[in-house]
Amino acid sequence: MVAVASLFNQLLRHFPRTEFEALVKKHRADRGAKGFTCWTQFVAMLFCQLAHSASLRDICNGLSCSLGKLVHLGIKRSPNKSTLSYANQKRPVSLFEDLFWTALQRFRSTQLLGGRQSHFRFKNKLLSLDSTTISLCLTLFPWADFKTVKGGIKTHVLLDHDDYLPRYVLITKAKHPDVKVAHLLSLNPGSIVVMDLAYIDYELFAKWSKAGIFFVTRLRNDLNWRIVQNRDLPQHRNILEDQTIRFNSQWGRKYCRDLQFRRIVVHPEGDSPLVLLTNHLKFGATTIAAIYKDRWQIEVFFKSVKQNLKIKSFVGTSPNAIYIQIWTALLAMLLLKWLHYLSKAKWSLSNLAAMLRLNLFSYRELLSWLDHPFSTPPLTPVLTQLNLEFA
């Protein structure tokens, strides 16, 4: 006999109702609600992500098709399109943001996502900083002005390389400079931040260097610098140059007068040389090169979210509705990362997301389904009434 609820229900159990209601009370999100609770809204928006729904109509119709199974999700019936649209427009996005960080902290504290997968020997916290831009139509989203003919929003992410999930997320308009977000970060001394050319800033370099925070980035061609020392090169490696330098421009001397940096030229196989810049003077050049190579993981994270979840097209047009959809996408990505870590079938993340989309309301035990998704599900036996003997 099938003694488990649907796969969707088993995923929702990772968001305890008592914890969720405490967050609702904290943000006063249910204030003025008339029957349509925040939990129903959350279930609907998470269904939008996992089922890859393209519109409010798809969300409501998809839930309506599983009417007999909704009670196991904690909701009585499918929401109306207008009700869900109004809730996404008016209810605080801070509820979903707080829910993401609370759930992520619980997953990390219980080691549900595994440990660091890289082979680095150092114990420093390794982080990647980058942003991704989502283009929007100015006709539908006039508040998201970016360029003359198109709008956009930008999601800034500080990715933790221990589990390749965010440590910091900020959603802004697309024209917001990346380097201003870097100045907002509060990092522990000893952390190593990997970033691209958008974060070149003398003031930021000086601020992090004095705080004991290390960075690895690429050196722009237009920066003015002078060589202080040529360092020894490792044998039989792809390191072409390793130099200690100082910045020699007006602003470089103003902010980084007493600071030294390293310029490392790496020649990857089959590619043009990369010129790296770092303030870490002790690590080997090959380690610095490997650190920058691992920055690709944040690009993989952005690609995974955009390809497997609903983040490039939106079911609402207000800023609040878009932010709620992005935070629920991050919540869905947290679940997918957890399932991907648990699965022994060696699925790719995209195949896992596709298979889950087709089996959301299947009555299978989650871990068994992960390992044997194509096996025959257990059959429900015919129920028979027992004969009771009376004295």
Protein backbone atom coordinates (compact mmCIF):
# COMPACT_ATOMS: atom_id res chain seq x y z
CA MET A 1 0.00 0.00 0.00
CA VAL A 2 1.23 3.53 -0.79
CA ALA A 3 1.88 4.98 2.66
CA VAL A 4 3.42 8.29 1.55
CA ALA A 5 2.11 11.57 0.24
CA SER A 6 3.05 13.18 -3.07
CA LEU A 7 6.60 14.23 -3.89
CA PHE A 8 5.50 17.87 -3.70
CA ASN A 9 4.19 17.30 -0.18
CA GLN A 10 7.46 15.68 0.90
CA LEU A 11 9.40 18.68 -0.42
CA LEU A 12 7.14 21.13 1.43
CA ARG A 13 7.94 19.36 4.71
CA HIS A 14 11.28 21.15 4.65
CA PHE A 15 9.39 24.36 5.40
CA PRO A 16 7.74 23.61 8.78
CA ARG A 17 4.38 25.30 9.19
CA THR A 18 5.19 26.56 12.70
CA GLU A 19 8.34 28.23 11.39
CA PHE A 20 6.49 29.64 8.39
CA GLU A 21 3.66 31.05 10.51
CA ALA A 22 6.22 32.66 12.84
CA LEU A 23 7.72 34.46 9.83
CA VAL A 24 4.23 35.47 8.64
CA LYS A 25 3.52 36.95 12.06
CA LYS A 26 6.90 38.70 12.13
CA HIS A 27 6.29 40.43 8.79
CA ARG A 28 2.53 40.86 9.35
CA ALA A 29 2.03 39.35 5.91
CA ASP A 30 -1.47 37.99 6.57
CA ARG A 31 -2.83 41.34 7.67
CA GLY A 32 -6.17 41.96 5.97
CA ALA A 33 -6.21 38.53 4.33
CA LYS A 34 -9.67 37.11 3.67
CA GLY A 35 -9.22 33.37 3.42
CA PHE A 36 -6.21 33.41 1.09
CA THR A 37 -3.28 32.64 3.38
CA CYS A 38 0.43 33.26 2.81
CA TRP A 39 0.98 29.49 2.88
CA THR A 40 -1.36 29.05 -0.10
CA GLN A 41 0.51 31.81 -1.92
CA PHE A 42 3.85 30.16 -1.15
CA VAL A 43 2.64 26.73 -2.34
CA ALA A 44 1.31 28.29 -5.55
CA MET A 45 4.55 30.17 -6.31
CA LEU A 46 6.74 27.16 -5.48
CA PHE A 47 4.51 25.09 -7.79
CA CYS A 48 5.12 27.76 -10.45
CA GLN A 49 8.87 27.14 -10.18
CA LEU A 50 8.90 23.35 -9.90
CA ALA A 51 6.19 22.80 -12.53
CA HIS A 52 7.65 25.49 -14.81
CA SER A 53 4.32 27.29 -15.11
CA ALA A 54 4.29 30.10 -17.66
CA SER A 55 1.43 32.21 -16.27
CA LEU A 56 -1.03 32.68 -13.43
CA ARG A 57 -3.53 30.65 -15.44
CA ASP A 58 -1.08 27.73 -15.63
CA ILE A 59 -0.51 27.86 -11.87
CA CYS A 60 -4.19 27.93 -10.95
CA ASN A 61 -5.25 25.34 -13.55
CA GLY A 62 -2.35 23.06 -12.66
CA LEU A 63 -3.34 23.06 -8.99
CA SER A 64 -7.02 22.66 -9.89
CA CYS A 65 -6.22 19.47 -11.81
CA SER A 66 -4.92 17.96 -8.57
CA LEU A 67 -7.80 19.11 -6.41
CA GLY A 68 -8.06 15.89 -4.41
CA LYS A 69 -4.36 16.03 -3.53
CA LEU A 70 -4.16 19.64 -2.37
CA VAL A 71 -5.30 18.92 1.18
CA HIS A 72 -1.97 17.15 1.76
CA LEU A 73 -0.22 20.41 0.84
CA GLY A 74 -2.06 22.36 3.50
CA ILE A 75 -4.44 24.18 1.15
CA LYS A 76 -8.13 23.53 0.51
CA ARG A 77 -8.48 24.60 -3.10
CA SER A 78 -6.62 26.20 -5.95
CA PRO A 79 -6.39 30.03 -5.77
CA ASN A 80 -8.06 32.33 -8.27
CA LYS A 81 -5.85 34.19 -10.73
CA SER A 82 -6.91 37.61 -9.48
CA THR A 83 -6.39 36.64 -5.83
CA LEU A 84 -2.89 35.28 -6.46
CA SER A 85 -2.00 38.30 -8.59
CA TYR A 86 -3.15 40.71 -5.87
CA ALA A 87 -1.21 38.81 -3.18
CA ASN A 88 2.00 38.91 -5.24
CA GLN A 89 1.56 42.61 -5.74
CA LYS A 90 0.75 43.57 -2.14
CA ARG A 91 2.23 41.09 0.32
CA PRO A 92 5.74 41.77 1.62
CA VAL A 93 8.58 40.19 -0.33
CA SER A 94 10.60 40.20 2.91
CA LEU A 95 8.60 37.13 4.02
CA PHE A 96 9.98 35.02 1.15
CA GLU A 97 13.45 36.48 1.54
CA ASP A 98 13.48 35.62 5.25
CA LEU A 99 12.09 32.16 4.48
CA PHE A 100 14.95 31.46 2.07
CA TRP A 101 17.67 32.43 4.53
CA THR A 102 15.99 30.52 7.37
CA ALA A 103 15.66 27.34 5.28
CA LEU A 104 19.19 27.66 3.90
CA GLN A 105 20.62 28.05 7.39
CA ARG A 106 18.77 24.93 8.53
CA PHE A 107 20.05 22.92 5.55
CA ARG A 108 23.61 24.08 6.22
CA SER A 109 23.49 23.46 9.97
CA THR A 110 22.32 19.86 9.48
CA GLN A 111 24.81 19.15 6.65
CA LEU A 112 22.03 18.31 4.18
CA LEU A 113 24.03 19.79 1.30
CA GLY A 114 27.35 18.06 1.91
CA GLY A 115 30.77 19.65 2.37
CA ARG A 116 33.17 21.51 0.13
CA GLN A 117 33.71 19.62 -3.12
CA SER A 118 36.92 21.34 -4.20
CA HIS A 119 40.41 20.06 -3.49
CA PHE A 120 41.86 23.25 -1.99
CA ARG A 121 44.06 22.69 1.02
CA PHE A 122 43.46 26.07 2.65
CA LYS A 123 40.65 26.55 5.17
CA ASN A 124 39.77 30.11 4.16
CA LYS A 125 36.17 30.81 3.23
CA LEU A 126 36.04 30.93 -0.59
CA LEU A 127 33.36 33.14 -2.14
CA SER A 128 32.44 34.33 -5.64
CA LEU A 129 30.83 37.71 -6.30
CA ASP A 130 28.93 38.43 -9.50
CA SER A 131 25.58 39.56 -10.85
CA THR A 132 23.21 38.47 -13.60
CA THR A 133 20.93 40.75 -15.58
CA ILE A 134 17.38 39.78 -16.56
CA SER A 135 16.02 41.78 -19.50
CA LEU A 136 12.49 43.17 -19.27
CA CYS A 137 10.16 44.87 -21.70
CA LEU A 138 9.82 48.58 -20.89
CA THR A 139 6.21 48.56 -22.07
CA LEU A 140 5.23 46.03 -19.39
CA PHE A 141 7.83 47.06 -16.79
CA PRO A 142 8.25 50.85 -17.10
CA TRP A 143 9.73 51.08 -13.59
CA ALA A 144 12.72 48.90 -14.60
CA ASP A 145 14.34 51.49 -16.86
CA PHE A 146 17.79 50.43 -18.03
CA LYS A 147 18.50 51.41 -21.62
CA THR A 148 16.61 53.39 -24.22
CA VAL A 149 14.62 50.49 -25.63
CA LYS A 150 14.70 47.89 -22.86
CA GLY A 151 14.52 47.52 -19.12
CA GLY A 152 16.03 45.06 -16.72
CA ILE A 153 16.74 43.96 -13.18
CA LYS A 154 19.97 42.66 -11.72
CA THR A 155 20.47 39.96 -9.12
CA HIS A 156 23.73 40.31 -7.18
CA VAL A 157 24.95 37.09 -5.56
CA LEU A 158 27.81 36.24 -3.22
CA LEU A 159 28.24 32.49 -3.70
CA ASP A 160 29.67 30.22 -1.00
CA HIS A 161 31.93 27.56 -2.54
CA ASP A 162 31.30 25.16 0.33
CA ASP A 163 27.91 24.25 -1.14
CA TYR A 164 27.65 26.60 -4.16
CA LEU A 165 24.64 28.41 -2.72
CA PRO A 166 24.33 32.13 -1.89
CA ARG A 167 25.63 33.89 1.19
CA TYR A 168 24.23 37.24 0.07
CA VAL A 169 21.59 38.23 -2.50
CA LEU A 170 20.48 41.70 -3.55
CA ILE A 171 17.97 42.49 -6.30
CA THR A 172 18.27 45.93 -7.92
CA LYS A 173 17.57 47.70 -11.19
CA ALA A 174 19.93 46.67 -13.97
CA LYS A 175 21.69 50.05 -14.05
CA HIS A 176 22.86 49.70 -10.43
CA PRO A 177 26.71 49.46 -10.42
CA ASP A 178 28.12 46.13 -9.27
CA VAL A 179 30.97 47.68 -7.31
CA LYS A 180 28.56 49.55 -5.01
CA VAL A 181 27.17 46.19 -3.88
CA ALA A 182 30.69 44.99 -3.08
CA HIS A 183 31.10 47.93 -0.68
CA LEU A 184 27.97 46.82 1.20
CA LEU A 185 29.31 43.34 2.02
CA SER A 186 30.32 42.45 5.56
CA LEU A 187 32.98 39.74 5.30
CA ASN A 188 35.08 37.92 7.87
CA PRO A 189 38.86 38.45 7.85
CA GLY A 190 40.61 35.71 5.90
CA SER A 191 37.80 35.32 3.35
CA ILE A 192 38.80 35.04 -0.32
CA VAL A 193 36.48 36.72 -2.83
CA VAL A 194 36.74 35.88 -6.54
CA MET A 195 35.24 38.42 -8.93
CA ASP A 196 35.40 39.73 -12.48
CA LEU A 197 36.39 43.04 -14.05
CA ALA A 198 33.21 44.84 -12.97
CA TYR A 199 34.55 45.09 -9.41
CA ILE A 200 37.86 46.85 -10.15
CA ASP A 201 37.95 49.69 -7.63
CA TYR A 202 40.98 51.12 -5.79
CA GLU A 203 38.94 52.12 -2.77
CA LEU A 204 37.48 48.61 -2.48
CA PHE A 205 40.94 47.04 -2.80
CA ALA A 206 42.28 49.22 -0.01
CA LYS A 207 39.26 48.63 2.22
CA TRP A 208 39.46 44.84 1.92
CA SER A 209 43.25 44.68 2.20
CA LYS A 210 43.25 46.66 5.46
CA ALA A 211 40.44 44.42 6.82
CA GLY A 212 42.33 41.21 6.05
CA ILE A 213 40.01 40.19 3.21
CA PHE A 214 41.61 38.69 0.11
CA PHE A 215 40.41 38.97 -3.48
CA VAL A 216 41.29 37.43 -6.84
CA THR A 217 40.22 39.17 -10.03
CA ARG A 218 41.47 40.04 -13.50
CA LEU A 219 43.73 43.01 -14.13
CA ARG A 220 42.35 45.59 -16.53
CA ASN A 221 44.64 46.69 -19.35
CA ASP A 222 44.15 50.41 -18.68
CA LEU A 223 45.41 50.33 -15.07
CA ASN A 224 48.72 52.01 -14.36
CA TRP A 225 51.13 49.97 -12.25
CA ARG A 226 54.85 49.38 -11.70
CA ILE A 227 56.83 46.26 -10.85
CA VAL A 228 58.28 45.94 -7.35
CA GLN A 229 59.60 42.37 -7.59
CA ASN A 230 59.67 39.45 -10.01
CA ARG A 231 58.83 36.28 -8.10
CA ASP A 232 60.06 32.77 -8.81
CA LEU A 233 57.89 30.75 -11.18
CA PRO A 234 56.77 27.18 -10.42
CA GLN A 235 58.26 24.48 -12.60
CA HIS A 236 56.20 22.69 -15.25
CA ARG A 237 53.11 24.84 -14.69
CA ASN A 238 51.17 27.21 -16.93
CA ILE A 239 52.32 30.31 -15.01
CA LEU A 240 54.08 32.81 -17.31
CA GLU A 241 54.67 35.68 -14.88
CA ASP A 242 54.38 36.29 -11.13
CA GLN A 243 55.14 39.84 -10.00
CA THR A 244 54.66 42.05 -6.97
CA ILE A 245 53.31 45.43 -8.10
CA ARG A 246 52.09 48.80 -6.85
CA PHE A 247 49.47 50.98 -8.49
CA ASN A 248 50.97 54.10 -10.02
CA SER A 249 47.95 56.16 -11.08
CA GLN A 250 46.56 59.18 -9.22
CA TRP A 251 43.68 57.27 -7.61
CA GLY A 252 45.79 54.17 -7.12
CA ARG A 253 48.36 56.15 -5.11
CA LYS A 254 45.59 57.86 -3.15
CA TYR A 255 43.88 54.70 -1.90
CA CYS A 256 46.62 52.06 -2.16
CA ARG A 257 49.74 54.05 -1.34
CA ASP A 258 51.24 51.54 1.13
CA LEU A 259 49.78 48.36 -0.37
CA GLN A 260 51.35 45.76 -2.62
CA PHE A 261 49.53 43.41 -4.98
CA ARG A 262 50.39 40.47 -7.20
CA ARG A 263 50.13 40.26 -10.97
CA ILE A 264 50.00 36.67 -12.24
CA VAL A 265 49.86 35.74 -15.91
CA VAL A 266 48.30 32.31 -16.53
CA HIS A 267 48.17 30.53 -19.87
CA PRO A 268 45.26 28.05 -19.84
CA GLU A 269 45.36 25.20 -22.30
CA GLY A 270 43.85 26.15 -25.63
CA ASP A 271 43.07 29.71 -24.57
CA SER A 272 44.67 33.15 -24.46
CA PRO A 273 46.66 34.19 -21.35
CA LEU A 274 44.79 35.58 -18.33
CA VAL A 275 46.25 38.38 -16.22
CA LEU A 276 45.16 37.98 -12.60
CA LEU A 277 45.33 40.49 -9.76
CA THR A 278 45.28 39.57 -6.07
CA ASN A 279 46.29 40.98 -2.69
CA HIS A 280 47.25 37.53 -1.37
CA LEU A 281 51.06 37.48 -1.27
CA LYS A 282 51.59 34.02 0.27
CA PHE A 283 49.65 31.50 -1.80
CA GLY A 284 51.39 29.88 -4.75
CA ALA A 285 50.64 31.19 -8.22
CA THR A 286 49.03 27.89 -9.24
CA THR A 287 46.70 28.09 -6.22
CA ILE A 288 45.66 31.62 -7.19
CA ALA A 289 44.98 30.42 -10.73
CA ALA A 290 42.90 27.49 -9.44
CA ILE A 291 40.91 29.86 -7.22
CA TYR A 292 40.02 32.06 -10.17
CA LYS A 293 39.12 29.00 -12.25
CA ASP A 294 36.61 27.97 -9.57
CA ARG A 295 34.83 31.32 -10.12
CA TRP A 296 33.08 29.56 -13.02
CA GLN A 297 30.79 27.95 -10.43
CA ILE A 298 28.83 31.17 -10.00
CA GLU A 299 28.21 31.24 -13.76
CA VAL A 300 26.99 27.64 -13.49
CA PHE A 301 24.68 28.70 -10.65
CA PHE A 302 23.13 31.51 -12.71
CA LYS A 303 22.76 29.21 -15.71
CA SER A 304 21.08 26.51 -13.61
CA VAL A 305 18.55 28.95 -12.17
CA LYS A 306 17.70 30.49 -15.53
CA GLN A 307 17.42 27.18 -17.41
CA ASN A 308 15.56 25.08 -14.85
CA LEU A 309 13.31 27.62 -13.10
CA LYS A 310 10.97 30.45 -14.02
CA ILE A 311 13.19 33.51 -13.73
CA LYS A 312 13.42 34.86 -17.30
CA SER A 313 9.65 35.37 -17.71
CA PHE A 314 7.34 36.53 -14.96
CA VAL A 315 3.71 36.02 -13.94
CA GLY A 316 3.39 39.59 -12.59
CA THR A 317 4.53 43.05 -13.66
CA SER A 318 5.01 44.88 -10.35
CA PRO A 319 8.43 44.99 -8.62
CA ASN A 320 7.00 43.12 -5.62
CA ALA A 321 5.65 40.28 -7.79
CA ILE A 322 8.97 39.91 -9.62
CA TYR A 323 10.99 39.85 -6.40
CA ILE A 324 8.68 37.21 -4.90
CA GLN A 325 9.13 35.06 -8.00
CA ILE A 326 12.93 35.39 -7.80
CA TRP A 327 13.03 34.43 -4.11
CA THR A 328 10.78 31.42 -4.70
CA ALA A 329 13.12 30.43 -7.54
CA LEU A 330 16.00 30.47 -5.05
CA LEU A 331 13.92 28.36 -2.65
CA ALA A 332 13.26 25.87 -5.46
CA MET A 333 16.97 25.83 -6.32
CA LEU A 334 17.73 25.00 -2.68
CA LEU A 335 15.44 21.96 -2.93
CA LEU A 336 16.92 20.88 -6.26
CA LYS A 337 20.48 21.16 -4.90
CA TRP A 338 19.47 19.03 -1.92
CA LEU A 339 17.85 16.38 -4.15
CA HIS A 340 20.85 16.41 -6.46
CA TYR A 341 23.16 15.79 -3.50
CA LEU A 342 21.00 12.91 -2.23
CA SER A 343 20.46 11.17 -5.55
CA LYS A 344 22.56 8.12 -6.32
CA ALA A 345 21.35 7.98 -9.92
CA LYS A 346 23.95 10.59 -11.02
CA TRP A 347 21.37 12.78 -12.72
CA SER A 348 22.29 16.16 -14.06
CA LEU A 349 20.47 19.02 -12.37
CA SER A 350 18.46 19.77 -15.52
CA ASN A 351 17.27 16.14 -15.84
CA LEU A 352 16.37 16.09 -12.16
CA ALA A 353 14.31 19.29 -12.52
CA ALA A 354 12.53 17.91 -15.60
CA MET A 355 11.71 14.56 -13.97
CA LEU A 356 10.48 16.26 -10.80
CA ARG A 357 8.24 18.53 -12.88
CA LEU A 358 6.56 15.45 -14.37
CA ASN A 359 6.15 13.66 -11.02
CA LEU A 360 5.21 16.39 -8.55
CA PHE A 361 1.95 14.68 -7.57
CA SER A 362 3.20 11.10 -7.81
CA TYR A 363 2.77 9.08 -4.64
CA ARG A 364 6.29 7.74 -4.22
CA GLU A 365 8.76 7.72 -1.38
CA LEU A 366 11.11 10.58 -2.25
CA LEU A 367 14.48 8.90 -1.64
CA SER A 368 13.36 5.72 -3.42
CA TRP A 369 12.14 7.75 -6.38
CA LEU A 370 15.46 9.61 -6.56
CA ASP A 371 17.45 6.39 -6.85
CA HIS A 372 14.99 4.44 -9.05
CA PRO A 373 12.78 6.97 -10.88
CA PHE A 374 11.74 4.55 -13.64
CA SER A 375 10.82 1.61 -11.45
CA THR A 376 7.21 0.47 -11.17
CA PRO A 377 5.45 2.28 -8.33
CA PRO A 378 3.86 0.15 -5.63
CA LEU A 379 0.25 -0.78 -6.33
CA THR A 380 -2.53 0.09 -3.93
CA PRO A 381 -4.31 -3.13 -2.91
CA VAL A 382 -8.08 -3.43 -2.92
CA LEU A 383 -9.38 -2.57 0.53
CA THR A 384 -11.53 -5.26 2.14
CA GLN A 385 -13.77 -4.90 5.13
CA LEU A 386 -12.80 -7.12 8.05
CA ASN A 387 -15.50 -9.32 9.55
CA LEU A 388 -15.93 -8.64 13.22
CA GLU A 389 -17.19 -11.49 15.37
CA PHE A 390 -19.58 -10.49 18.13
CA ALA A 391 -20.03 -12.61 21.22
